[in-house]
Amino acid sequence: ERPPGARPSPGPRTPPAEPDHDTTTALRPPKLAKAPLVPEPDGTAILPVIPAEDVPAPPGAESAARKKRTVKRHRGEGGARSTVRGLGEVLISLGAVVLLYAAYEVFGVSGEINNEQDTLSTDLDTMWQAEEEGDEGSPVPELGDAFARMWAPDIRPESWTLVEGTEPADIEYAPGRYLDGAMPGEQGNFTLAGHNVPAIFQKIRDLEPGDKVVIETKDYFYVYEVQEHVVVDETQVDITAPVPGDPGAEPGDEDYWLTLFTCHPLWDNYERYVVYSQLVDTIDRDAEGDLPDAAVDAEA
């Protein structure tokens, strides 16, 4: 036994264990340094990098590149060039519209007028025939109704059928008589208004002094001779006076006038083109309605 207070004596020491050569201890790999974010130049490079522009072009590549640049230059339009091209296209379109409108005015409107003129001429023959047969119910011309024909062989081989009235609805397809004026062959001023289109009065500008204009009624042919042309303002109404150009005068023995007028100039209407003619002959109209020479022969 160990006396009280005595420290225990150390026991026998255990000798250190000898290494076991049969056991393999795993080795940790050495830590590697982190790679830089931006690689350093290749120290093994022998030749420097040749810039692309210094590389000699293969045969034919220069012309191909020039062609590509040329195409690109042509395709890349600036704002001014695009505006000019757009404006040109608009002008071409407007020109086409104007040509179409002009063609319609010449052919479309003229066709409509000629068709309506045929109808009016038939109506006129029917009315005259009824009057000839003495029918009590023979029609009396009203506004827009046919009442006579006009011939002007120097500017037109066909006749115009004339209607009563000068309102737009009256003269849409025919020359119309100014209601306050004289009737054909009467003393005073027999006045006719017509649209400025080829099928109606556009060509009265081609009448010359001495040319004949013939008005055909049921009983007579009235032959007028062209005297003069004038151009007046649209507000000048004295062209319809009993003595043209002299609104306060009383018609005399020689004042048997035919006045033709239309809008002027050709594509506007702020003036009036006027042709004055004077009565030179009156010819009976036979039952067959044979035309006098002045109505068919421009030289008569």
Protein backbone atom coordinates (compact mmCIF):
# COMPACT_ATOMS: atom_id res chain seq x y z
CA GLU A 1 0.00 0.00 0.00
CA ARG A 2 0.89 3.53 -0.64
CA PRO A 3 1.21 5.72 2.37
CA PRO A 4 -1.12 8.62 2.54
CA GLY A 5 0.11 11.72 0.76
CA ALA A 6 2.55 9.86 -1.35
CA ARG A 7 2.46 10.45 -5.13
CA PRO A 8 2.01 7.49 -7.28
CA SER A 9 5.14 6.33 -8.89
CA PRO A 10 5.24 6.40 -12.64
CA GLY A 11 4.63 3.13 -14.27
CA PRO A 12 6.87 1.52 -16.79
CA ARG A 13 7.28 3.55 -19.99
CA THR A 14 5.87 2.20 -23.20
CA PRO A 15 8.45 2.26 -25.95
CA PRO A 16 7.48 4.25 -29.12
CA ALA A 17 5.94 2.26 -31.85
CA GLU A 18 8.09 1.68 -34.86
CA PRO A 19 6.81 2.78 -38.20
CA ASP A 20 4.88 0.26 -40.18
CA HIS A 21 6.64 0.06 -43.51
CA ASP A 22 3.79 -1.97 -44.92
CA THR A 23 1.25 0.92 -44.60
CA THR A 24 1.12 3.59 -47.44
CA THR A 25 0.36 7.16 -46.39
CA ALA A 26 -1.46 9.32 -49.05
CA LEU A 27 0.38 12.53 -49.93
CA ARG A 28 -1.49 15.78 -50.61
CA PRO A 29 -0.77 17.42 -54.00
CA PRO A 30 1.18 20.61 -53.77
CA LYS A 31 -0.82 23.83 -54.01
CA LEU A 32 -0.60 25.53 -57.42
CA ALA A 33 -0.43 29.26 -57.89
CA LYS A 34 -3.59 30.89 -59.32
CA ALA A 35 -3.48 31.72 -63.02
CA PRO A 36 -3.53 35.45 -63.79
CA LEU A 37 -6.83 36.83 -65.24
CA VAL A 38 -5.02 38.35 -68.20
CA PRO A 39 -2.63 35.93 -69.83
CA GLU A 40 0.88 37.12 -70.25
CA PRO A 41 2.43 37.22 -73.69
CA ASP A 42 3.50 33.91 -75.02
CA GLY A 43 7.09 33.74 -74.16
CA THR A 44 7.63 30.97 -76.67
CA ALA A 45 6.36 33.05 -79.63
CA ILE A 46 8.98 33.40 -82.31
CA LEU A 47 7.19 35.62 -84.87
CA PRO A 48 4.93 38.58 -84.01
CA VAL A 49 1.28 38.52 -85.12
CA ILE A 50 0.94 40.04 -88.61
CA PRO A 51 -1.90 42.66 -88.83
CA ALA A 52 -4.71 41.67 -91.24
CA GLU A 53 -4.24 44.73 -93.41
CA ASP A 54 -0.63 43.80 -94.07
CA VAL A 55 -1.52 40.36 -95.36
CA PRO A 56 -1.13 40.35 -99.15
CA ALA A 57 -4.49 39.84 -100.90
CA PRO A 58 -4.90 36.86 -103.18
CA PRO A 59 -5.29 37.56 -106.93
CA GLY A 60 -8.74 38.96 -107.79
CA ALA A 61 -9.63 39.83 -104.19
CA GLU A 62 -8.99 43.58 -104.67
CA SER A 63 -11.50 43.92 -107.54
CA ALA A 64 -14.08 41.90 -105.59
CA ALA A 65 -13.62 44.13 -102.54
CA ARG A 66 -13.93 47.25 -104.71
CA LYS A 67 -17.12 45.92 -106.25
CA LYS A 68 -18.55 45.20 -102.78
CA ARG A 69 -17.68 48.70 -101.60
CA THR A 70 -19.25 50.19 -104.73
CA VAL A 71 -22.48 48.29 -104.23
CA LYS A 72 -22.60 49.32 -100.61
CA ARG A 73 -21.96 52.94 -101.52
CA HIS A 74 -24.79 52.92 -104.08
CA ARG A 75 -27.23 51.29 -101.71
CA GLY A 76 -26.50 53.56 -98.83
CA GLU A 77 -28.68 56.60 -99.72
CA GLY A 78 -28.68 59.74 -97.73
CA GLY A 79 -31.76 61.60 -96.54
CA ALA A 80 -31.62 64.18 -99.36
CA ARG A 81 -31.43 61.52 -102.07
CA SER A 82 -34.35 59.59 -100.55
CA THR A 83 -36.41 62.79 -100.40
CA VAL A 84 -35.68 63.62 -104.04
CA ARG A 85 -36.55 60.09 -105.14
CA GLY A 86 -39.78 60.16 -103.12
CA LEU A 87 -40.72 63.53 -104.60
CA GLY A 88 -40.03 62.22 -108.09
CA GLU A 89 -42.32 59.24 -107.52
CA VAL A 90 -45.08 61.55 -106.28
CA LEU A 91 -44.73 63.79 -109.34
CA ILE A 92 -44.86 60.80 -111.67
CA SER A 93 -48.03 59.58 -109.95
CA LEU A 94 -49.62 63.02 -110.21
CA GLY A 95 -48.70 63.20 -113.87
CA ALA A 96 -50.38 59.86 -114.49
CA VAL A 97 -53.52 61.08 -112.71
CA VAL A 98 -53.58 64.25 -114.84
CA LEU A 99 -53.20 62.22 -118.03
CA LEU A 100 -56.01 59.90 -116.99
CA TYR A 101 -58.23 62.86 -116.19
CA ALA A 102 -57.44 64.51 -119.53
CA ALA A 103 -58.21 61.26 -121.35
CA TYR A 104 -61.52 61.01 -119.51
CA GLU A 105 -62.38 64.61 -120.40
CA VAL A 106 -61.64 63.97 -124.07
CA PHE A 107 -63.07 60.50 -124.51
CA GLY A 108 -65.26 59.68 -121.50
CA VAL A 109 -67.18 62.96 -121.26
CA SER A 110 -67.43 63.29 -125.04
CA GLY A 111 -68.91 59.80 -125.26
CA GLU A 112 -71.55 60.62 -122.66
CA ILE A 113 -72.44 63.88 -124.42
CA ASN A 114 -72.68 62.25 -127.84
CA ASN A 115 -75.00 59.55 -126.50
CA GLU A 116 -77.24 62.13 -124.87
CA GLN A 117 -77.17 64.24 -128.02
CA ASP A 118 -78.53 61.27 -129.97
CA THR A 119 -81.39 60.98 -127.49
CA LEU A 120 -82.15 64.71 -127.66
CA SER A 121 -82.12 64.64 -131.46
CA THR A 122 -84.63 61.78 -131.49
CA ASP A 123 -86.85 63.67 -129.04
CA LEU A 124 -86.69 66.74 -131.30
CA ASP A 125 -87.74 64.78 -134.39
CA THR A 126 -90.61 63.25 -132.42
CA MET A 127 -91.81 66.68 -131.31
CA TRP A 128 -91.61 68.14 -134.81
CA GLN A 129 -93.44 65.15 -136.23
CA ALA A 130 -96.22 65.60 -133.69
CA GLU A 131 -96.52 69.29 -134.57
CA GLU A 132 -96.61 68.44 -138.29
CA GLU A 133 -99.47 66.02 -137.76
CA GLY A 134 -101.39 68.66 -135.82
CA ASP A 135 -101.69 66.72 -132.58
CA GLU A 136 -103.27 68.92 -129.96
CA GLY A 137 -101.12 67.21 -127.35
CA SER A 138 -97.84 68.01 -129.07
CA PRO A 139 -95.21 68.76 -126.39
CA VAL A 140 -94.06 72.31 -125.64
CA PRO A 141 -90.32 72.58 -124.88
CA GLU A 142 -89.55 73.08 -121.23
CA LEU A 143 -86.24 73.73 -119.48
CA GLY A 144 -83.73 71.20 -120.70
CA ASP A 145 -85.89 70.09 -123.65
CA ALA A 146 -84.66 70.17 -127.24
CA PHE A 147 -86.01 72.89 -129.55
CA ALA A 148 -83.54 73.30 -132.47
CA ARG A 149 -80.27 72.14 -134.06
CA MET A 150 -77.09 74.00 -134.87
CA TRP A 151 -74.59 73.30 -137.65
CA ALA A 152 -71.05 74.71 -137.90
CA PRO A 153 -69.30 72.68 -140.62
CA ASP A 154 -66.00 74.55 -140.28
CA ILE A 155 -65.41 73.06 -136.82
CA ARG A 156 -67.70 70.02 -136.62
CA PRO A 157 -69.36 67.72 -139.17
CA GLU A 158 -72.24 66.76 -136.87
CA SER A 159 -74.95 69.02 -135.52
CA TRP A 160 -75.64 69.99 -131.92
CA THR A 161 -79.15 69.61 -130.55
CA LEU A 162 -80.00 72.76 -128.59
CA VAL A 163 -82.01 72.90 -125.36
CA GLU A 164 -83.95 75.54 -123.47
CA GLY A 165 -82.21 77.14 -120.48
CA THR A 166 -78.67 77.76 -119.28
CA GLU A 167 -78.77 76.27 -115.79
CA PRO A 168 -76.15 73.57 -115.08
CA ALA A 169 -78.75 70.80 -115.35
CA ASP A 170 -79.99 72.20 -118.68
CA ILE A 171 -76.62 72.43 -120.42
CA GLU A 172 -74.97 69.30 -119.04
CA TYR A 173 -75.09 67.58 -122.44
CA ALA A 174 -76.05 70.34 -124.88
CA PRO A 175 -75.74 74.07 -125.62
CA GLY A 176 -78.59 75.99 -123.99
CA ARG A 177 -80.56 79.11 -124.95
CA TYR A 178 -80.46 82.19 -122.78
CA LEU A 179 -84.16 82.53 -121.89
CA ASP A 180 -84.29 86.34 -121.90
CA GLY A 181 -82.83 86.51 -125.40
CA ALA A 182 -84.37 86.21 -128.86
CA MET A 183 -85.45 82.99 -130.56
CA PRO A 184 -83.68 81.85 -133.75
CA GLY A 185 -84.21 84.29 -136.62
CA GLU A 186 -85.74 86.97 -134.39
CA GLN A 187 -84.53 90.52 -134.05
CA GLY A 188 -82.20 90.95 -131.12
CA ASN A 189 -79.67 88.52 -129.66
CA PHE A 190 -80.18 84.76 -129.85
CA THR A 191 -77.64 83.61 -127.22
CA LEU A 192 -76.31 80.10 -126.64
CA ALA A 193 -74.08 78.93 -123.76
CA GLY A 194 -72.11 75.69 -123.84
CA HIS A 195 -69.50 73.88 -121.78
CA ASN A 196 -65.83 74.21 -122.62
CA VAL A 197 -65.39 70.56 -123.69
CA PRO A 198 -64.55 69.11 -127.11
CA ALA A 199 -68.04 67.69 -127.70
CA ILE A 200 -69.74 71.06 -127.15
CA PHE A 201 -68.20 74.54 -127.47
CA GLN A 202 -64.46 74.13 -126.96
CA LYS A 203 -63.79 74.50 -130.69
CA ILE A 204 -65.75 77.71 -131.26
CA ARG A 205 -62.32 79.36 -130.90
CA ASP A 206 -61.51 77.95 -134.34
CA LEU A 207 -64.35 79.78 -136.06
CA GLU A 208 -63.15 82.61 -138.28
CA PRO A 209 -64.88 85.71 -139.59
CA GLY A 210 -66.96 84.71 -142.61
CA ASP A 211 -67.62 81.13 -141.40
CA LYS A 212 -71.26 80.09 -141.36
CA VAL A 213 -73.33 78.84 -138.43
CA VAL A 214 -76.78 77.43 -139.29
CA ILE A 215 -79.71 77.09 -136.88
CA GLU A 216 -82.33 74.50 -137.89
CA THR A 217 -85.91 74.79 -136.64
CA LYS A 218 -89.03 72.91 -137.74
CA ASP A 219 -89.76 75.41 -140.51
CA TYR A 220 -86.54 77.28 -141.33
CA PHE A 221 -82.79 77.27 -141.59
CA TYR A 222 -81.27 80.49 -140.29
CA VAL A 223 -77.78 81.17 -141.66
CA TYR A 224 -75.51 83.35 -139.51
CA GLU A 225 -72.06 84.62 -140.47
CA VAL A 226 -69.26 84.93 -137.92
CA GLN A 227 -68.23 88.55 -137.30
CA GLU A 228 -65.76 88.64 -134.41
CA HIS A 229 -64.36 86.99 -131.28
CA VAL A 230 -63.96 88.63 -127.88
CA VAL A 231 -62.80 87.51 -124.42
CA VAL A 232 -64.62 89.08 -121.48
CA ASP A 233 -64.69 88.77 -117.72
CA GLU A 234 -67.14 86.23 -116.31
CA THR A 235 -69.19 89.03 -114.76
CA GLN A 236 -69.66 90.91 -118.03
CA VAL A 237 -73.31 90.21 -118.87
CA ASP A 238 -73.75 92.65 -121.74
CA ILE A 239 -72.86 89.88 -124.18
CA THR A 240 -76.49 88.74 -123.83
CA ALA A 241 -77.99 92.20 -124.44
CA PRO A 242 -80.29 92.68 -127.51
CA VAL A 243 -77.42 94.64 -129.03
CA PRO A 244 -74.30 92.82 -127.81
CA GLY A 245 -71.96 95.07 -125.89
CA ASP A 246 -74.50 97.91 -125.71
CA PRO A 247 -77.02 96.93 -123.02
CA GLY A 248 -79.13 100.11 -123.25
CA ALA A 249 -79.58 100.15 -127.03
CA GLU A 250 -82.69 99.13 -128.95
CA PRO A 251 -82.03 96.59 -131.71
CA GLY A 252 -82.11 98.03 -135.23
CA ASP A 253 -82.79 96.53 -138.63
CA GLU A 254 -79.43 94.79 -138.74
CA ASP A 255 -79.45 93.53 -135.18
CA TYR A 256 -80.21 89.86 -135.76
CA TRP A 257 -77.45 88.32 -133.70
CA LEU A 258 -76.30 84.88 -132.72
CA THR A 259 -73.95 84.85 -129.72
CA LEU A 260 -72.03 81.72 -128.71
CA PHE A 261 -70.04 81.72 -125.51
CA THR A 262 -68.13 79.27 -123.29
CA CYS A 263 -65.74 79.31 -120.35
CA HIS A 264 -62.20 80.55 -120.88
CA PRO A 265 -59.29 79.75 -120.72
CA LEU A 266 -59.33 76.10 -121.70
CA TRP A 267 -58.85 74.62 -118.23
CA ASP A 268 -60.45 77.37 -116.15
CA ASN A 269 -63.58 79.52 -116.09
CA TYR A 270 -62.79 83.04 -114.88
CA GLU A 271 -63.41 84.49 -118.36
CA ARG A 272 -65.80 83.94 -121.26
CA TYR A 273 -64.88 83.30 -124.88
CA VAL A 274 -67.51 84.88 -127.13
CA VAL A 275 -68.25 84.54 -130.85
CA TYR A 276 -70.66 87.02 -132.47
CA SER A 277 -72.45 86.15 -135.72
CA GLN A 278 -75.04 88.04 -137.76
CA LEU A 279 -78.05 86.69 -139.70
CA VAL A 280 -77.41 86.70 -143.46
CA ASP A 281 -80.01 84.30 -144.85
CA THR A 282 -83.27 82.49 -144.05
CA ILE A 283 -84.14 79.27 -145.93
CA ASP A 284 -87.38 77.34 -145.82
CA ARG A 285 -87.06 73.85 -144.43
CA ASP A 286 -88.92 71.27 -146.51
CA ALA A 287 -90.70 68.24 -145.12
CA GLU A 288 -87.67 66.05 -145.77
CA GLY A 289 -85.39 68.42 -143.86
CA ASP A 290 -82.73 68.57 -146.58
CA LEU A 291 -79.81 70.65 -145.35
CA PRO A 292 -78.72 73.82 -147.15
CA ASP A 293 -75.17 74.03 -148.45
CA ALA A 294 -74.14 76.33 -145.60
CA ALA A 295 -74.93 73.57 -143.10
CA VAL A 296 -72.80 70.91 -144.74
CA ASP A 297 -70.20 72.71 -146.85
CA ALA A 298 -67.53 74.65 -145.02
CA GLU A 299 -66.85 76.68 -148.18
CA ALA A 300 -70.47 77.79 -148.67
